C-alpha atoms as a PDB file:
ATOM      1  CA  UNK A   1       0.153  -0.347   0.290  1.00  0.00           C
ATOM      2  CA  UNK A   2       3.015   2.563   0.793  1.00  0.00           C
ATOM      3  CA  UNK A   3       4.119   2.001  -2.766  1.00  0.00           C
ATOM      4  CA  UNK A   4       1.021   2.552  -4.496  1.00  0.00           C
ATOM      5  CA  UNK A   5       0.301   5.466  -1.599  1.00  0.00           C
ATOM      6  CA  UNK A   6       3.871   6.946  -3.058  1.00  0.00           C
ATOM      7  CA  UNK A   7       3.187   6.628  -6.616  1.00  0.00           C
ATOM      8  CA  UNK A   8      -0.109   8.324  -6.447  1.00  0.00           C
ATOM      9  CA  UNK A   9       1.703  11.065  -4.446  1.00  0.00           C
ATOM     10  CA  UNK A  10       4.544  11.721  -7.263  1.00  0.00           C
ATOM     11  CA  UNK A  11       2.038  11.589 -10.269  1.00  0.00           C
ATOM     12  CA  UNK A  12      -0.105  14.291  -8.224  1.00  0.00           C
ATOM     13  CA  UNK A  13       2.843  16.329  -7.536  1.00  0.00           C
ATOM     14  CA  UNK A  14       4.049  15.990 -11.213  1.00  0.00           C
ATOM     15  CA  UNK A  15       1.095  17.069 -12.580  1.00  0.00           C
ATOM     16  CA  UNK A  16       0.676  20.037 -10.359  1.00  0.00           C
ATOM     17  CA  UNK A  17       4.414  21.479 -11.874  1.00  0.00           C
ATOM     18  CA  UNK A  18       2.946  20.885 -15.219  1.00  0.00           C
ATOM     19  CA  UNK A  19       1.114  24.197 -15.276  1.00  0.00           C
ATOM     20  CA  UNK A  20       4.216  26.233 -14.657  1.00  0.00           C
ATOM     21  CA  UNK A  21       7.207  27.315 -16.510  1.00  0.00           C
ATOM     22  CA  UNK A  22      10.332  25.583 -15.634  1.00  0.00           C
ATOM     23  CA  UNK A  23      11.642  27.029 -12.183  1.00  0.00           C
ATOM     24  CA  UNK A  24      15.215  28.318 -12.664  1.00  0.00           C
ATOM     25  CA  UNK A  25      17.793  28.103  -9.882  1.00  0.00           C
ATOM     26  CA  UNK A  26      20.843  29.855  -9.322  1.00  0.00           C
ATOM     27  CA  UNK A  27      23.866  28.591 -11.291  1.00  0.00           C
ATOM     28  CA  UNK A  28      26.188  27.768  -8.282  1.00  0.00           C
ATOM     29  CA  UNK A  29      26.095  27.105  -4.958  1.00  0.00           C
ATOM     30  CA  UNK A  30      29.029  26.500  -2.413  1.00  0.00           C
ATOM     31  CA  UNK A  31      27.660  24.072  -0.159  1.00  0.00           C
ATOM     32  CA  UNK A  32      30.582  24.541   1.987  1.00  0.00           C
ATOM     33  CA  UNK A  33      29.515  28.600   2.069  1.00  0.00           C
ATOM     34  CA  UNK A  34      25.861  27.411   2.219  1.00  0.00           C
ATOM     35  CA  UNK A  35      26.029  25.434   5.612  1.00  0.00           C
ATOM     36  CA  UNK A  36      25.564  26.763   8.857  1.00  0.00           C
ATOM     37  CA  UNK A  37      22.460  28.831  10.592  1.00  0.00           C
ATOM     38  CA  UNK A  38      19.713  30.607   8.640  1.00  0.00           C
ATOM     39  CA  UNK A  39      16.326  32.268  10.032  1.00  0.00           C
ATOM     40  CA  UNK A  40      13.430  31.727   8.142  1.00  0.00           C
ATOM     41  CA  UNK A  41      11.709  35.473   7.261  1.00  0.00           C
ATOM     42  CA  UNK A  42       8.957  33.891   5.206  1.00  0.00           C
ATOM     43  CA  UNK A  43       7.392  30.770   3.711  1.00  0.00           C
ATOM     44  CA  UNK A  44       4.744  29.679   1.482  1.00  0.00           C
ATOM     45  CA  UNK A  45       3.969  25.717   2.779  1.00  0.00           C
ATOM     46  CA  UNK A  46       2.020  23.154   4.603  1.00  0.00           C
ATOM     47  CA  UNK A  47      -0.310  24.331   7.153  1.00  0.00           C
ATOM     48  CA  UNK A  48       1.315  21.879  10.063  1.00  0.00           C
ATOM     49  CA  UNK A  49       4.008  24.732   9.966  1.00  0.00           C
ATOM     50  CA  UNK A  50       1.644  27.832  10.544  1.00  0.00           C
ATOM     51  CA  UNK A  51       2.075  28.137  13.867  1.00  0.00           C
ATOM     52  CA  UNK A  52       6.163  27.889  13.614  1.00  0.00           C
ATOM     53  CA  UNK A  53       7.657  30.812  15.320  1.00  0.00           C
ATOM     54  CA  UNK A  54      11.219  31.215  15.350  1.00  0.00           C
ATOM     55  CA  UNK A  55      11.936  28.488  12.986  1.00  0.00           C
ATOM     56  CA  UNK A  56      15.460  27.976  12.004  1.00  0.00           C
ATOM     57  CA  UNK A  57      17.265  25.668   9.543  1.00  0.00           C
ATOM     58  CA  UNK A  58      20.978  24.501  10.028  1.00  0.00           C
ATOM     59  CA  UNK A  59      22.680  22.732   7.430  1.00  0.00           C
ATOM     60  CA  UNK A  60      25.598  20.789   7.560  1.00  0.00           C
ATOM     61  CA  UNK A  61      27.390  19.512   4.863  1.00  0.00           C
ATOM     62  CA  UNK A  62      28.850  15.362   5.759  1.00  0.00           C
ATOM     63  CA  UNK A  63      31.861  13.717   4.287  1.00  0.00           C
ATOM     64  CA  UNK A  64      29.573  11.921   1.834  1.00  0.00           C
ATOM     65  CA  UNK A  65      28.491  14.999   0.235  1.00  0.00           C
ATOM     66  CA  UNK A  66      24.775  14.892   1.828  1.00  0.00           C
ATOM     67  CA  UNK A  67      23.669  17.752   3.560  1.00  0.00           C
ATOM     68  CA  UNK A  68      22.129  16.979   6.898  1.00  0.00           C
ATOM     69  CA  UNK A  69      18.947  19.354   7.427  1.00  0.00           C
ATOM     70  CA  UNK A  70      17.769  20.771  10.751  1.00  0.00           C
ATOM     71  CA  UNK A  71      14.832  22.611  11.113  1.00  0.00           C
ATOM     72  CA  UNK A  72      13.601  23.759  14.650  1.00  0.00           C
ATOM     73  CA  UNK A  73      10.911  25.624  15.528  1.00  0.00           C
ATOM     74  CA  UNK A  74       9.179  27.258  18.653  1.00  0.00           C
ATOM     75  CA  UNK A  75       5.396  26.037  18.259  1.00  0.00           C
ATOM     76  CA  UNK A  76       2.530  28.943  18.802  1.00  0.00           C
ATOM     77  CA  UNK A  77       5.012  31.647  19.809  1.00  0.00           C
ATOM     78  CA  UNK A  78       8.580  32.348  20.109  1.00  0.00           C
ATOM     79  CA  UNK A  79       8.831  31.422  23.986  1.00  0.00           C
ATOM     80  CA  UNK A  80       6.741  28.424  22.790  1.00  0.00           C
ATOM     81  CA  UNK A  81       7.567  24.468  23.306  1.00  0.00           C
ATOM     82  CA  UNK A  82      10.472  24.035  20.692  1.00  0.00           C
ATOM     83  CA  UNK A  83      10.287  21.403  18.369  1.00  0.00           C
ATOM     84  CA  UNK A  84      13.173  20.036  16.160  1.00  0.00           C
ATOM     85  CA  UNK A  85      13.167  17.670  12.811  1.00  0.00           C
ATOM     86  CA  UNK A  86      15.958  16.421  11.018  1.00  0.00           C
ATOM     87  CA  UNK A  87      16.425  15.457   7.545  1.00  0.00           C
ATOM     88  CA  UNK A  88      19.112  14.460   4.621  1.00  0.00           C
ATOM     89  CA  UNK A  89      19.449  16.659   1.348  1.00  0.00           C
ATOM     90  CA  UNK A  90      21.140  15.042  -1.688  1.00  0.00           C
ATOM     91  CA  UNK A  91      22.363  17.846  -4.673  1.00  0.00           C
ATOM     92  CA  UNK A  92      20.911  16.121  -7.428  1.00  0.00           C
ATOM     93  CA  UNK A  93      22.890  18.306 -10.022  1.00  0.00           C
ATOM     94  CA  UNK A  94      26.214  19.710 -10.888  1.00  0.00           C
ATOM     95  CA  UNK A  95      25.265  23.320  -9.618  1.00  0.00           C
ATOM     96  CA  UNK A  96      24.703  21.845  -6.021  1.00  0.00           C
ATOM     97  CA  UNK A  97      21.131  24.035  -6.344  1.00  0.00           C
ATOM     98  CA  UNK A  98      18.964  21.488  -6.672  1.00  0.00           C
ATOM     99  CA  UNK A  99      18.191  18.996  -3.913  1.00  0.00           C
ATOM    100  CA  UNK A 100      16.409  15.760  -3.103  1.00  0.00           C
ATOM    101  CA  UNK A 101      15.511  16.483   0.943  1.00  0.00           C
ATOM    102  CA  UNK A 102      13.952  13.357   2.711  1.00  0.00           C
ATOM    103  CA  UNK A 103      12.732  13.707   6.550  1.00  0.00           C
ATOM    104  CA  UNK A 104      11.131  10.259   6.282  1.00  0.00           C
ATOM    105  CA  UNK A 105      11.729   7.802   3.940  1.00  0.00           C
ATOM    106  CA  UNK A 106      10.525   6.724   1.501  1.00  0.00           C
ATOM    107  CA  UNK A 107       9.217  10.576   1.157  1.00  0.00           C
ATOM    108  CA  UNK A 108      11.215  12.985  -0.301  1.00  0.00           C
ATOM    109  CA  UNK A 109      10.731  16.275  -2.024  1.00  0.00           C
ATOM    110  CA  UNK A 110      12.499  18.747  -4.300  1.00  0.00           C
ATOM    111  CA  UNK A 111      14.670  21.480  -2.619  1.00  0.00           C
ATOM    112  CA  UNK A 112      15.502  24.491  -5.046  1.00  0.00           C
ATOM    113  CA  UNK A 113      17.725  27.264  -4.294  1.00  0.00           C
ATOM    114  CA  UNK A 114      16.005  29.877  -6.704  1.00  0.00           C
ATOM    115  CA  UNK A 115      17.862  33.017  -5.365  1.00  0.00           C
ATOM    116  CA  UNK A 116      21.002  33.320  -3.221  1.00  0.00           C
ATOM    117  CA  UNK A 117      23.076  36.751  -2.169  1.00  0.00           C
ATOM    118  CA  UNK A 118      26.613  36.394  -3.582  1.00  0.00           C
ATOM    119  CA  UNK A 119      27.863  36.868   0.058  1.00  0.00           C
ATOM    120  CA  UNK A 120      25.442  34.134   1.488  1.00  0.00           C
ATOM    121  CA  UNK A 121      23.537  36.470   3.738  1.00  0.00           C
ATOM    122  CA  UNK A 122      20.156  35.654   2.338  1.00  0.00           C
ATOM    123  CA  UNK A 123      18.901  32.656  -0.245  1.00  0.00           C
ATOM    124  CA  UNK A 124      15.352  31.558  -1.400  1.00  0.00           C
ATOM    125  CA  UNK A 125      14.567  27.977  -1.802  1.00  0.00           C
ATOM    126  CA  UNK A 126      11.478  26.570  -3.673  1.00  0.00           C
ATOM    127  CA  UNK A 127       9.934  23.512  -5.389  1.00  0.00           C
ATOM    128  CA  UNK A 128       8.473  23.398  -9.110  1.00  0.00           C
ATOM    129  CA  UNK A 129       5.040  22.588  -7.892  1.00  0.00           C
ATOM    130  CA  UNK A 130       5.431  26.093  -6.200  1.00  0.00           C
ATOM    131  CA  UNK A 131       3.787  24.571  -3.295  1.00  0.00           C
ATOM    132  CA  UNK A 132       6.344  25.548  -0.771  1.00  0.00           C
ATOM    133  CA  UNK A 133       8.863  28.216  -0.523  1.00  0.00           C
ATOM    134  CA  UNK A 134      11.443  29.875   2.206  1.00  0.00           C
ATOM    135  CA  UNK A 135      12.615  33.317   2.220  1.00  0.00           C
ATOM    136  CA  UNK A 136      16.117  32.399   4.644  1.00  0.00           C
ATOM    137  CA  UNK A 137      18.248  35.317   6.321  1.00  0.00           C
ATOM    138  CA  UNK A 138      21.381  34.526   8.395  1.00  0.00           C
ATOM    139  CA  UNK A 139      19.619  37.231  10.393  1.00  0.00           C
ATOM    140  CA  UNK A 140      16.469  37.338  12.268  1.00  0.00           C
ATOM    141  CA  UNK A 141      15.808  40.124  10.357  1.00  0.00           C
ATOM    142  CA  UNK A 142      16.024  41.320   6.957  1.00  0.00           C
ATOM    143  CA  UNK A 143      16.241  44.887   5.236  1.00  0.00           C
ATOM    144  CA  UNK A 144      12.626  45.343   3.868  1.00  0.00           C
ATOM    145  CA  UNK A 145      13.837  46.571   0.607  1.00  0.00           C
ATOM    146  CA  UNK A 146      15.486  42.898   0.121  1.00  0.00           C
ATOM    147  CA  UNK A 147      12.575  41.113   1.274  1.00  0.00           C
ATOM    148  CA  UNK A 148      10.182  43.078  -0.959  1.00  0.00           C
ATOM    149  CA  UNK A 149      12.711  42.328  -3.752  1.00  0.00           C
ATOM    150  CA  UNK A 150      12.867  38.699  -3.051  1.00  0.00           C
ATOM    151  CA  UNK A 151       8.629  38.799  -2.710  1.00  0.00           C
ATOM    152  CA  UNK A 152       8.534  39.882  -6.407  1.00  0.00           C
ATOM    153  CA  UNK A 153      11.558  37.779  -7.733  1.00  0.00           C
ATOM    154  CA  UNK A 154       9.643  34.737  -6.387  1.00  0.00           C
ATOM    155  CA  UNK A 155       5.771  36.198  -7.590  1.00  0.00           C
ATOM    156  CA  UNK A 156       7.926  36.498 -11.307  1.00  0.00           C
ATOM    157  CA  UNK A 157       8.447  32.723 -10.873  1.00  0.00           C
ATOM    158  CA  UNK A 158       4.717  32.068 -10.163  1.00  0.00           C
ATOM    159  CA  UNK A 159       5.284  31.165  -6.679  1.00  0.00           C
ATOM    160  CA  UNK A 160       1.709  32.388  -4.481  1.00  0.00           C
ATOM    161  CA  UNK A 161       3.603  35.219  -2.793  1.00  0.00           C
ATOM    162  CA  UNK A 162       0.187  36.305  -1.608  1.00  0.00           C
ATOM    163  CA  UNK A 163      -0.227  33.751   0.934  1.00  0.00           C
ATOM    164  CA  UNK A 164       3.656  34.063   2.196  1.00  0.00           C
ATOM    165  CA  UNK A 165       3.305  33.619   6.099  1.00  0.00           C
ATOM    166  CA  UNK A 166       6.210  35.818   7.982  1.00  0.00           C
ATOM    167  CA  UNK A 167       8.159  34.138  10.508  1.00  0.00           C
ATOM    168  CA  UNK A 168       7.796  35.506  13.906  1.00  0.00           C
ATOM    169  CA  UNK A 169      11.733  35.709  15.217  1.00  0.00           C
ATOM    170  CA  UNK A 170      12.797  36.317  18.871  1.00  0.00           C
ATOM    171  CA  UNK A 171      15.807  38.563  18.081  1.00  0.00           C
ATOM    172  CA  UNK A 172      14.141  40.724  14.904  1.00  0.00           C
END
């Protein structure tokens, strides 16, 4: 049954992707520079993340080339109970901008870096279905002009930016 469910899941996701132009990514990601802590500034993502505050993701490059992806959030408020989930990503092309991310095997999702600051101070991550999008920063607060520009770039890539949720951060 799991195999049949997974096949249906992949079919539905692929069907949704076909209604969009191909999603472009950055041309090159230095995984060592990308590693470290990032703050989630805003997200377009599943409902289970709606009450997430103080959301951060920590990327750790592993010796085998995989990337440990550790998400930590506080539930309900910036001082709410903390929840952590850890997954692993594998770059799928030579740019290192396209990853397959798995939290619960055998299920994985595409995790693509669509925009990235040349100094690795901010990043935008999405997926071809346009269901998920994260605007990330090395600091808990992002310059409003930069943020607005990134939202407009995401709109041009056909993401439903009107549904973006800004993430409350404790230190912002």
